[in-house]
Amino acid sequence: MEALMAVNIGLITIYDMCKALSKEMVISNIRLLTKTGGKSGDYKLLRKD
């Protein structure tokens, strides 16, 4: 959770710095692909493209 929050904060910061150039930017497709450790164990997204 902390890593996903950090990514979102970083992207919002970059958006804030670049919005003077274009307000049409979109932040999307932020998702957890893999994780190891923790109480619930390992996780890997099974991609179905």
Protein backbone atom coordinates (compact mmCIF):
# COMPACT_ATOMS: atom_id res chain seq x y z
CA MET A 1 0.00 0.00 0.00
CA GLU A 2 2.77 2.41 0.91
CA ALA A 3 4.51 1.90 -2.43
CA LEU A 4 1.29 2.54 -4.38
CA MET A 5 0.69 5.70 -2.38
CA ALA A 6 4.25 6.88 -3.03
CA VAL A 7 3.85 6.32 -6.78
CA ASN A 8 0.59 8.28 -6.82
CA ILE A 9 2.11 11.17 -4.86
CA GLY A 10 5.11 11.25 -7.20
CA LEU A 11 2.88 11.30 -10.28
CA ILE A 12 0.66 14.02 -8.87
CA THR A 13 3.77 16.08 -8.12
CA ILE A 14 5.01 15.66 -11.70
CA TYR A 15 1.52 16.53 -13.00
CA ASP A 16 1.49 19.67 -10.86
CA MET A 17 4.87 20.78 -12.24
CA CYS A 18 3.90 20.10 -15.88
CA LYS A 19 0.30 21.38 -15.94
CA ALA A 20 1.50 24.76 -17.21
CA LEU A 21 2.53 22.99 -20.44
CA SER A 22 -0.65 20.97 -20.90
CA LYS A 23 -3.71 20.33 -18.78
CA GLU A 24 -4.70 17.36 -20.95
CA MET A 25 -2.32 14.94 -19.19
CA VAL A 26 -3.88 11.80 -17.73
CA ILE A 27 -2.55 9.57 -14.97
CA SER A 28 -3.83 6.02 -15.47
CA ASN A 29 -3.08 2.30 -15.24
CA ILE A 30 -1.42 2.42 -11.82
CA ARG A 31 -1.56 -1.09 -10.42
CA LEU A 32 0.34 -3.60 -8.36
CA LEU A 33 2.11 -6.14 -10.55
CA THR A 34 4.10 -8.12 -7.97
CA LYS A 35 4.78 -8.10 -4.26
CA THR A 36 6.76 -10.30 -1.91
CA GLY A 37 6.58 -10.80 1.83
CA GLY A 38 4.06 -9.43 4.24
CA LYS A 39 1.29 -11.11 6.17
CA SER A 40 -0.66 -12.24 3.09
CA GLY A 41 2.41 -13.56 1.24
CA ASP A 42 3.53 -13.13 -2.35
CA TYR A 43 1.37 -11.72 -5.13
CA LYS A 44 1.79 -11.63 -8.89
CA LEU A 45 -0.73 -10.19 -11.33
CA LEU A 46 -1.67 -12.68 -14.00
CA ARG A 47 -1.94 -10.53 -17.11
CA LYS A 48 -4.73 -11.29 -19.54
CA ASP A 49 -3.88 -8.99 -22.47
